[in-house]
Amino acid sequence: MPRQNMPENWEPPVPAWSADFDGTSALTMAYCGVQSRSSSTDASEAACALVQSGPDAPNHVERGRFTYAAGLVNQVFVLYWREPSA
């Protein structure tokens, strides 16, 4: 797929849409995404807060937000657990 907003011959410093956990023996990861026509992120923020509470909450959460050219707002949460049993 052609890159529309990148300089010609630009190469990203790391692969997109992937994760590398080389050398880690126990790690669980999940991607959760919410897409909306509204610019309000109240619902996805509330869902993220709920996931981050309680005894099985992830140890770390990364977040990202972007808007498609069609105007759809996307919020992505990457959740990490050190203990797979959690």
PDB file of N, CA and C in Angstrom:
ATOM      1  N   MET A   1       0.850  -1.166   0.000  1.00  0.00           N
ATOM      2  CA  MET A   1       0.000   0.000   0.000  1.00  0.00           C
ATOM      3  C   MET A   1       0.901   1.237   0.000  1.00  0.00           C
ATOM      4  N   PRO A   2       0.660   2.193  -0.879  1.00  0.00           N
ATOM      5  CA  PRO A   2       1.498   3.390  -0.919  1.00  0.00           C
ATOM      6  C   PRO A   2       1.312   4.265   0.312  1.00  0.00           C
ATOM      7  N   ARG A   3       2.384   4.842   0.768  1.00  0.00           N
ATOM      8  CA  ARG A   3       2.340   5.782   1.897  1.00  0.00           C
ATOM      9  C   ARG A   3       1.994   7.160   1.359  1.00  0.00           C
ATOM     10  N   GLN A   4       0.895   7.711   1.806  1.00  0.00           N
ATOM     11  CA  GLN A   4       0.427   8.974   1.243  1.00  0.00           C
ATOM     12  C   GLN A   4       1.002  10.200   1.929  1.00  0.00           C
ATOM     13  N   ASN A   5       1.365  10.091   3.204  1.00  0.00           N
ATOM     14  CA  ASN A   5       1.819  11.273   3.937  1.00  0.00           C
ATOM     15  C   ASN A   5       3.260  11.156   4.399  1.00  0.00           C
ATOM     16  N   MET A   6       4.057  10.362   3.710  1.00  0.00           N
ATOM     17  CA  MET A   6       5.448  10.147   4.097  1.00  0.00           C
ATOM     18  C   MET A   6       6.371  10.624   2.978  1.00  0.00           C
ATOM     19  N   PRO A   7       7.556  11.081   3.353  1.00  0.00           N
ATOM     20  CA  PRO A   7       8.516  11.459   2.316  1.00  0.00           C
ATOM     21  C   PRO A   7       8.897  10.243   1.464  1.00  0.00           C
ATOM     22  N   GLU A   8       9.237  10.474   0.247  1.00  0.00           N
ATOM     23  CA  GLU A   8       9.645   9.390  -0.642  1.00  0.00           C
ATOM     24  C   GLU A   8      10.848   8.645  -0.053  1.00  0.00           C
ATOM     25  N   ASN A   9      10.817   7.326  -0.127  1.00  0.00           N
ATOM     26  CA  ASN A   9      11.882   6.435   0.362  1.00  0.00           C
ATOM     27  C   ASN A   9      12.021   6.434   1.888  1.00  0.00           C
ATOM     28  N   TRP A  10      11.042   6.957   2.612  1.00  0.00           N
ATOM     29  CA  TRP A  10      11.104   6.949   4.076  1.00  0.00           C
ATOM     30  C   TRP A  10      10.855   5.548   4.591  1.00  0.00           C
ATOM     31  N   GLU A  11      11.655   5.104   5.541  1.00  0.00           N
ATOM     32  CA  GLU A  11      11.468   3.813   6.189  1.00  0.00           C
ATOM     33  C   GLU A  11      11.297   4.048   7.692  1.00  0.00           C
ATOM     34  N   PRO A  12      10.274   3.447   8.306  1.00  0.00           N
ATOM     35  CA  PRO A  12      10.064   3.652   9.740  1.00  0.00           C
ATOM     36  C   PRO A  12      11.200   3.023  10.547  1.00  0.00           C
ATOM     37  N   PRO A  13      11.530   3.600  11.692  1.00  0.00           N
ATOM     38  CA  PRO A  13      12.625   3.067  12.512  1.00  0.00           C
ATOM     39  C   PRO A  13      12.292   1.729  13.166  1.00  0.00           C
ATOM     40  N   VAL A  14      10.999   1.436  13.333  1.00  0.00           N
ATOM     41  CA  VAL A  14      10.555   0.159  13.897  1.00  0.00           C
ATOM     42  C   VAL A  14       9.330  -0.298  13.115  1.00  0.00           C
ATOM     43  N   PRO A  15       9.056  -1.608  13.118  1.00  0.00           N
ATOM     44  CA  PRO A  15       7.855  -2.082  12.417  1.00  0.00           C
ATOM     45  C   PRO A  15       6.587  -1.555  13.088  1.00  0.00           C
ATOM     46  N   ALA A  16       5.602  -1.220  12.311  1.00  0.00           N
ATOM     47  CA  ALA A  16       4.321  -0.777  12.849  1.00  0.00           C
ATOM     48  C   ALA A  16       3.420  -1.982  13.092  1.00  0.00           C
ATOM     49  N   TRP A  17       2.521  -1.851  14.027  1.00  0.00           N
ATOM     50  CA  TRP A  17       1.503  -2.857  14.306  1.00  0.00           C
ATOM     51  C   TRP A  17       2.109  -4.196  14.718  1.00  0.00           C
ATOM     52  N   SER A  18       3.199  -4.157  15.432  1.00  0.00           N
ATOM     53  CA  SER A  18       3.794  -5.393  15.929  1.00  0.00           C
ATOM     54  C   SER A  18       4.485  -5.124  17.252  1.00  0.00           C
ATOM     55  N   ALA A  19       4.751  -6.194  17.955  1.00  0.00           N
ATOM     56  CA  ALA A  19       5.445  -6.093  19.233  1.00  0.00           C
ATOM     57  C   ALA A  19       6.512  -7.181  19.292  1.00  0.00           C
ATOM     58  N   ASP A  20       7.613  -6.894  19.939  1.00  0.00           N
ATOM     59  CA  ASP A  20       8.704  -7.861  20.071  1.00  0.00           C
ATOM     60  C   ASP A  20       9.059  -7.968  21.538  1.00  0.00           C
ATOM     61  N   PHE A  21       8.919  -9.161  22.083  1.00  0.00           N
ATOM     62  CA  PHE A  21       9.203  -9.394  23.488  1.00  0.00           C
ATOM     63  C   PHE A  21      10.356 -10.371  23.643  1.00  0.00           C
ATOM     64  N   ASP A  22      11.335 -10.280  22.781  1.00  0.00           N
ATOM     65  CA  ASP A  22      12.485 -11.162  22.819  1.00  0.00           C
ATOM     66  C   ASP A  22      13.133 -11.107  24.201  1.00  0.00           C
ATOM     67  N   GLY A  23      13.402 -12.274  24.770  1.00  0.00           N
ATOM     68  CA  GLY A  23      14.054 -12.336  26.063  1.00  0.00           C
ATOM     69  C   GLY A  23      13.100 -12.280  27.245  1.00  0.00           C
ATOM     70  N   THR A  24      11.813 -12.147  27.007  1.00  0.00           N
ATOM     71  CA  THR A  24      10.834 -12.114  28.089  1.00  0.00           C
ATOM     72  C   THR A  24      10.170 -13.476  28.169  1.00  0.00           C
ATOM     73  N   SER A  25      10.209 -14.090  29.349  1.00  0.00           N
ATOM     74  CA  SER A  25       9.661 -15.439  29.464  1.00  0.00           C
ATOM     75  C   SER A  25       8.164 -15.457  29.778  1.00  0.00           C
ATOM     76  N   ALA A  26       7.652 -14.453  30.446  1.00  0.00           N
ATOM     77  CA  ALA A  26       6.232 -14.445  30.800  1.00  0.00           C
ATOM     78  C   ALA A  26       5.676 -13.039  30.649  1.00  0.00           C
ATOM     79  N   LEU A  27       4.873 -12.853  29.621  1.00  0.00           N
ATOM     80  CA  LEU A  27       4.236 -11.563  29.400  1.00  0.00           C
ATOM     81  C   LEU A  27       2.980 -11.808  28.577  1.00  0.00           C
ATOM     82  N   THR A  28       1.902 -11.198  28.992  1.00  0.00           N
ATOM     83  CA  THR A  28       0.657 -11.291  28.237  1.00  0.00           C
ATOM     84  C   THR A  28       0.300  -9.886  27.781  1.00  0.00           C
ATOM     85  N   MET A  29      -0.156  -9.794  26.538  1.00  0.00           N
ATOM     86  CA  MET A  29      -0.451  -8.502  25.954  1.00  0.00           C
ATOM     87  C   MET A  29      -1.765  -8.580  25.197  1.00  0.00           C
ATOM     88  N   ALA A  30      -2.535  -7.503  25.221  1.00  0.00           N
ATOM     89  CA  ALA A  30      -3.779  -7.441  24.463  1.00  0.00           C
ATOM     90  C   ALA A  30      -3.931  -6.046  23.863  1.00  0.00           C
ATOM     91  N   TYR A  31      -4.456  -6.008  22.645  1.00  0.00           N
ATOM     92  CA  TYR A  31      -4.806  -4.749  21.999  1.00  0.00           C
ATOM     93  C   TYR A  31      -6.321  -4.607  22.086  1.00  0.00           C
ATOM     94  N   CYS A  32      -6.803  -3.456  22.545  1.00  0.00           N
ATOM     95  CA  CYS A  32      -8.232  -3.172  22.574  1.00  0.00           C
ATOM     96  C   CYS A  32      -8.454  -1.864  21.842  1.00  0.00           C
ATOM     97  N   GLY A  33      -9.398  -1.863  20.939  1.00  0.00           N
ATOM     98  CA  GLY A  33      -9.666  -0.652  20.179  1.00  0.00           C
ATOM     99  C   GLY A  33     -11.129  -0.265  20.222  1.00  0.00           C
ATOM    100  N   VAL A  34     -11.374   1.036  20.181  1.00  0.00           N
ATOM    101  CA  VAL A  34     -12.726   1.576  20.161  1.00  0.00           C
ATOM    102  C   VAL A  34     -12.789   2.570  19.011  1.00  0.00           C
ATOM    103  N   GLN A  35     -13.812   2.419  18.149  1.00  0.00           N
ATOM    104  CA  GLN A  35     -13.974   3.320  17.014  1.00  0.00           C
ATOM    105  C   GLN A  35     -15.311   4.030  17.158  1.00  0.00           C
ATOM    106  N   SER A  36     -15.319   5.327  16.839  1.00  0.00           N
ATOM    107  CA  SER A  36     -16.528   6.116  17.023  1.00  0.00           C
ATOM    108  C   SER A  36     -16.640   7.195  15.962  1.00  0.00           C
ATOM    109  N   ARG A  37     -17.851   7.583  15.668  1.00  0.00           N
ATOM    110  CA  ARG A  37     -18.069   8.726  14.768  1.00  0.00           C
ATOM    111  C   ARG A  37     -17.953  10.036  15.542  1.00  0.00           C
ATOM    112  N   SER A  38     -18.039   9.958  16.858  1.00  0.00           N
ATOM    113  CA  SER A  38     -17.987  11.142  17.714  1.00  0.00           C
ATOM    114  C   SER A  38     -16.548  11.423  18.136  1.00  0.00           C
ATOM    115  N   SER A  39     -16.229  12.674  18.337  1.00  0.00           N
ATOM    116  CA  SER A  39     -14.892  13.013  18.830  1.00  0.00           C
ATOM    117  C   SER A  39     -14.778  12.806  20.333  1.00  0.00           C
ATOM    118  N   SER A  40     -15.911  12.538  21.008  1.00  0.00           N
ATOM    119  CA  SER A  40     -15.899  12.292  22.451  1.00  0.00           C
ATOM    120  C   SER A  40     -15.309  10.906  22.722  1.00  0.00           C
ATOM    121  N   THR A  41     -14.406  10.847  23.673  1.00  0.00           N
ATOM    122  CA  THR A  41     -13.807   9.562  24.043  1.00  0.00           C
ATOM    123  C   THR A  41     -14.257   9.128  25.432  1.00  0.00           C
ATOM    124  N   ASP A  42     -15.354   9.687  25.914  1.00  0.00           N
ATOM    125  CA  ASP A  42     -15.830   9.372  27.266  1.00  0.00           C
ATOM    126  C   ASP A  42     -16.061   7.879  27.467  1.00  0.00           C
ATOM    127  N   ALA A  43     -16.718   7.222  26.516  1.00  0.00           N
ATOM    128  CA  ALA A  43     -17.032   5.798  26.675  1.00  0.00           C
ATOM    129  C   ALA A  43     -15.768   4.947  26.695  1.00  0.00           C
ATOM    130  N   SER A  44     -14.832   5.218  25.785  1.00  0.00           N
ATOM    131  CA  SER A  44     -13.613   4.416  25.764  1.00  0.00           C
ATOM    132  C   SER A  44     -12.735   4.706  26.976  1.00  0.00           C
ATOM    133  N   GLU A  45     -12.732   5.945  27.449  1.00  0.00           N
ATOM    134  CA  GLU A  45     -11.989   6.287  28.667  1.00  0.00           C
ATOM    135  C   GLU A  45     -12.566   5.548  29.865  1.00  0.00           C
ATOM    136  N   ALA A  46     -13.880   5.456  29.943  1.00  0.00           N
ATOM    137  CA  ALA A  46     -14.526   4.749  31.046  1.00  0.00           C
ATOM    138  C   ALA A  46     -14.204   3.260  30.978  1.00  0.00           C
ATOM    139  N   ALA A  47     -14.208   2.700  29.777  1.00  0.00           N
ATOM    140  CA  ALA A  47     -13.873   1.280  29.612  1.00  0.00           C
ATOM    141  C   ALA A  47     -12.432   1.024  30.023  1.00  0.00           C
ATOM    142  N   CYS A  48     -11.523   1.909  29.650  1.00  0.00           N
ATOM    143  CA  CYS A  48     -10.115   1.751  30.017  1.00  0.00           C
ATOM    144  C   CYS A  48      -9.939   1.847  31.525  1.00  0.00           C
ATOM    145  N   ALA A  49     -10.629   2.768  32.160  1.00  0.00           N
ATOM    146  CA  ALA A  49     -10.538   2.903  33.617  1.00  0.00           C
ATOM    147  C   ALA A  49     -11.045   1.644  34.307  1.00  0.00           C
ATOM    148  N   LEU A  50     -12.113   1.041  33.776  1.00  0.00           N
ATOM    149  CA  LEU A  50     -12.649  -0.188  34.353  1.00  0.00           C
ATOM    150  C   LEU A  50     -11.643  -1.332  34.224  1.00  0.00           C
ATOM    151  N   VAL A  51     -11.013  -1.461  33.056  1.00  0.00           N
ATOM    152  CA  VAL A  51     -10.023  -2.521  32.825  1.00  0.00           C
ATOM    153  C   VAL A  51      -8.823  -2.357  33.756  1.00  0.00           C
ATOM    154  N   GLN A  52      -8.478  -1.110  34.084  1.00  0.00           N
ATOM    155  CA  GLN A  52      -7.295  -0.848  34.912  1.00  0.00           C
ATOM    156  C   GLN A  52      -7.559  -0.972  36.404  1.00  0.00           C
ATOM    157  N   SER A  53      -8.759  -1.383  36.794  1.00  0.00           N
ATOM    158  CA  SER A  53      -9.064  -1.523  38.217  1.00  0.00           C
ATOM    159  C   SER A  53      -9.247  -3.000  38.555  1.00  0.00           C
ATOM    160  N   GLY A  54      -9.131  -3.313  39.822  1.00  0.00           N
ATOM    161  CA  GLY A  54      -9.361  -4.674  40.268  1.00  0.00           C
ATOM    162  C   GLY A  54      -8.091  -5.501  40.339  1.00  0.00           C
ATOM    163  N   PRO A  55      -8.201  -6.710  40.874  1.00  0.00           N
ATOM    164  CA  PRO A  55      -7.021  -7.546  41.115  1.00  0.00           C
ATOM    165  C   PRO A  55      -6.338  -8.050  39.841  1.00  0.00           C
ATOM    166  N   ASP A  56      -7.059  -8.131  38.738  1.00  0.00           N
ATOM    167  CA  ASP A  56      -6.468  -8.634  37.491  1.00  0.00           C
ATOM    168  C   ASP A  56      -6.131  -7.524  36.504  1.00  0.00           C
ATOM    169  N   ALA A  57      -6.002  -6.310  37.002  1.00  0.00           N
ATOM    170  CA  ALA A  57      -5.696  -5.169  36.134  1.00  0.00           C
ATOM    171  C   ALA A  57      -4.327  -5.348  35.490  1.00  0.00           C
ATOM    172  N   PRO A  58      -4.139  -4.839  34.284  1.00  0.00           N
ATOM    173  CA  PRO A  58      -2.820  -4.934  33.650  1.00  0.00           C
ATOM    174  C   PRO A  58      -1.782  -4.125  34.425  1.00  0.00           C
ATOM    175  N   ASN A  59      -0.522  -4.539  34.290  1.00  0.00           N
ATOM    176  CA  ASN A  59       0.575  -3.820  34.938  1.00  0.00           C
ATOM    177  C   ASN A  59       0.890  -2.517  34.229  1.00  0.00           C
ATOM    178  N   HIS A  60       0.575  -2.440  32.951  1.00  0.00           N
ATOM    179  CA  HIS A  60       0.910  -1.246  32.174  1.00  0.00           C
ATOM    180  C   HIS A  60      -0.090  -1.105  31.032  1.00  0.00           C
ATOM    181  N   VAL A  61      -0.444   0.133  30.701  1.00  0.00           N
ATOM    182  CA  VAL A  61      -1.347   0.422  29.581  1.00  0.00           C
ATOM    183  C   VAL A  61      -0.729   1.520  28.734  1.00  0.00           C
ATOM    184  N   GLU A  62      -0.678   1.287  27.426  1.00  0.00           N
ATOM    185  CA  GLU A  62      -0.265   2.327  26.474  1.00  0.00           C
ATOM    186  C   GLU A  62      -1.494   2.715  25.678  1.00  0.00           C
ATOM    187  N   ARG A  63      -1.548   3.974  25.262  1.00  0.00           N
ATOM    188  CA  ARG A  63      -2.722   4.460  24.560  1.00  0.00           C
ATOM    189  C   ARG A  63      -2.321   5.183  23.288  1.00  0.00           C
ATOM    190  N   GLY A  64      -3.219   5.129  22.333  1.00  0.00           N
ATOM    191  CA  GLY A  64      -3.036   5.881  21.108  1.00  0.00           C
ATOM    192  C   GLY A  64      -4.391   6.319  20.578  1.00  0.00           C
ATOM    193  N   ARG A  65      -4.391   7.403  19.829  1.00  0.00           N
ATOM    194  CA  ARG A  65      -5.633   7.905  19.253  1.00  0.00           C
ATOM    195  C   ARG A  65      -5.328   8.468  17.882  1.00  0.00           C
ATOM    196  N   PHE A  66      -6.166   8.154  16.927  1.00  0.00           N
ATOM    197  CA  PHE A  66      -6.008   8.705  15.592  1.00  0.00           C
ATOM    198  C   PHE A  66      -7.373   8.809  14.938  1.00  0.00           C
ATOM    199  N   THR A  67      -7.460   9.623  13.911  1.00  0.00           N
ATOM    200  CA  THR A  67      -8.714   9.816  13.188  1.00  0.00           C
ATOM    201  C   THR A  67      -8.493   9.445  11.727  1.00  0.00           C
ATOM    202  N   TYR A  68      -9.337   8.543  11.219  1.00  0.00           N
ATOM    203  CA  TYR A  68      -9.286   8.171   9.807  1.00  0.00           C
ATOM    204  C   TYR A  68      -9.673   9.364   8.949  1.00  0.00           C
ATOM    205  N   ALA A  69      -9.268   9.335   7.698  1.00  0.00           N
ATOM    206  CA  ALA A  69      -9.626  10.404   6.765  1.00  0.00           C
ATOM    207  C   ALA A  69     -11.144  10.558   6.672  1.00  0.00           C
ATOM    208  N   ALA A  70     -11.881   9.464   6.864  1.00  0.00           N
ATOM    209  CA  ALA A  70     -13.347   9.511   6.805  1.00  0.00           C
ATOM    210  C   ALA A  70     -13.955  10.140   8.050  1.00  0.00           C
ATOM    211  N   GLY A  71     -13.113  10.487   9.040  1.00  0.00           N
ATOM    212  CA  GLY A  71     -13.599  11.157  10.232  1.00  0.00           C
ATOM    213  C   GLY A  71     -13.876  10.250  11.421  1.00  0.00           C
ATOM    214  N   LEU A  72     -13.626   8.949  11.289  1.00  0.00           N
ATOM    215  CA  LEU A  72     -13.852   8.042  12.414  1.00  0.00           C
ATOM    216  C   LEU A  72     -12.709   8.160  13.412  1.00  0.00           C
ATOM    217  N   VAL A  73     -13.059   8.338  14.683  1.00  0.00           N
ATOM    218  CA  VAL A  73     -12.074   8.469  15.754  1.00  0.00           C
ATOM    219  C   VAL A  73     -11.766   7.075  16.295  1.00  0.00           C
ATOM    220  N   ASN A  74     -10.486   6.765  16.418  1.00  0.00           N
ATOM    221  CA  ASN A  74     -10.053   5.457  16.900  1.00  0.00           C
ATOM    222  C   ASN A  74      -9.173   5.639  18.119  1.00  0.00           C
ATOM    223  N   GLN A  75      -9.492   4.900  19.165  1.00  0.00           N
ATOM    224  CA  GLN A  75      -8.668   4.910  20.360  1.00  0.00           C
ATOM    225  C   GLN A  75      -8.205   3.475  20.580  1.00  0.00           C
ATOM    226  N   VAL A  76      -6.884   3.294  20.769  1.00  0.00           N
ATOM    227  CA  VAL A  76      -6.302   1.967  20.942  1.00  0.00           C
ATOM    228  C   VAL A  76      -5.613   1.907  22.295  1.00  0.00           C
ATOM    229  N   PHE A  77      -5.851   0.823  23.012  1.00  0.00           N
ATOM    230  CA  PHE A  77      -5.211   0.574  24.297  1.00  0.00           C
ATOM    231  C   PHE A  77      -4.403  -0.708  24.165  1.00  0.00           C
ATOM    232  N   VAL A  78      -3.140  -0.663  24.576  1.00  0.00           N
ATOM    233  CA  VAL A  78      -2.296  -1.856  24.598  1.00  0.00           C
ATOM    234  C   VAL A  78      -2.082  -2.194  26.067  1.00  0.00           C
ATOM    235  N   LEU A  79      -2.526  -3.371  26.469  1.00  0.00           N
ATOM    236  CA  LEU A  79      -2.511  -3.790  27.867  1.00  0.00           C
ATOM    237  C   LEU A  79      -1.439  -4.856  28.071  1.00  0.00           C
ATOM    238  N   TYR A  80      -0.670  -4.749  29.150  1.00  0.00           N
ATOM    239  CA  TYR A  80       0.405  -5.704  29.444  1.00  0.00           C
ATOM    240  C   TYR A  80       0.254  -6.263  30.853  1.00  0.00           C
ATOM    241  N   TRP A  81       0.429  -7.568  30.978  1.00  0.00           N
ATOM    242  CA  TRP A  81       0.458  -8.254  32.267  1.00  0.00           C
ATOM    243  C   TRP A  81       1.763  -9.028  32.387  1.00  0.00           C
ATOM    244  N   ARG A  82       2.424  -8.928  33.537  1.00  0.00           N
ATOM    245  CA  ARG A  82       3.647  -9.696  33.780  1.00  0.00           C
ATOM    246  C   ARG A  82       3.324 -11.146  34.134  1.00  0.00           C
ATOM    247  N   GLU A  83       2.170 -11.359  34.755  1.00  0.00           N
ATOM    248  CA  GLU A  83       1.740 -12.704  35.145  1.00  0.00           C
ATOM    249  C   GLU A  83       0.637 -13.165  34.206  1.00  0.00           C
ATOM    250  N   PRO A  84       0.882 -14.164  33.360  1.00  0.00           N
ATOM    251  CA  PRO A  84      -0.163 -14.620  32.427  1.00  0.00           C
ATOM    252  C   PRO A  84      -1.447 -15.078  33.127  1.00  0.00           C
ATOM    253  N   SER A  85      -1.335 -15.567  34.347  1.00  0.00           N
ATOM    254  CA  SER A  85      -2.534 -16.037  35.060  1.00  0.00           C
ATOM    255  C   SER A  85      -3.482 -14.897  35.439  1.00  0.00           C
ATOM    256  N   ALA A  86      -2.977 -13.674  35.491  1.00  0.00           N
ATOM    257  CA  ALA A  86      -3.815 -12.523  35.827  1.00  0.00           C
ATOM    258  C   ALA A  86      -4.776 -12.229  34.689  1.00  0.00           C
TER     259      ALA A  86
END
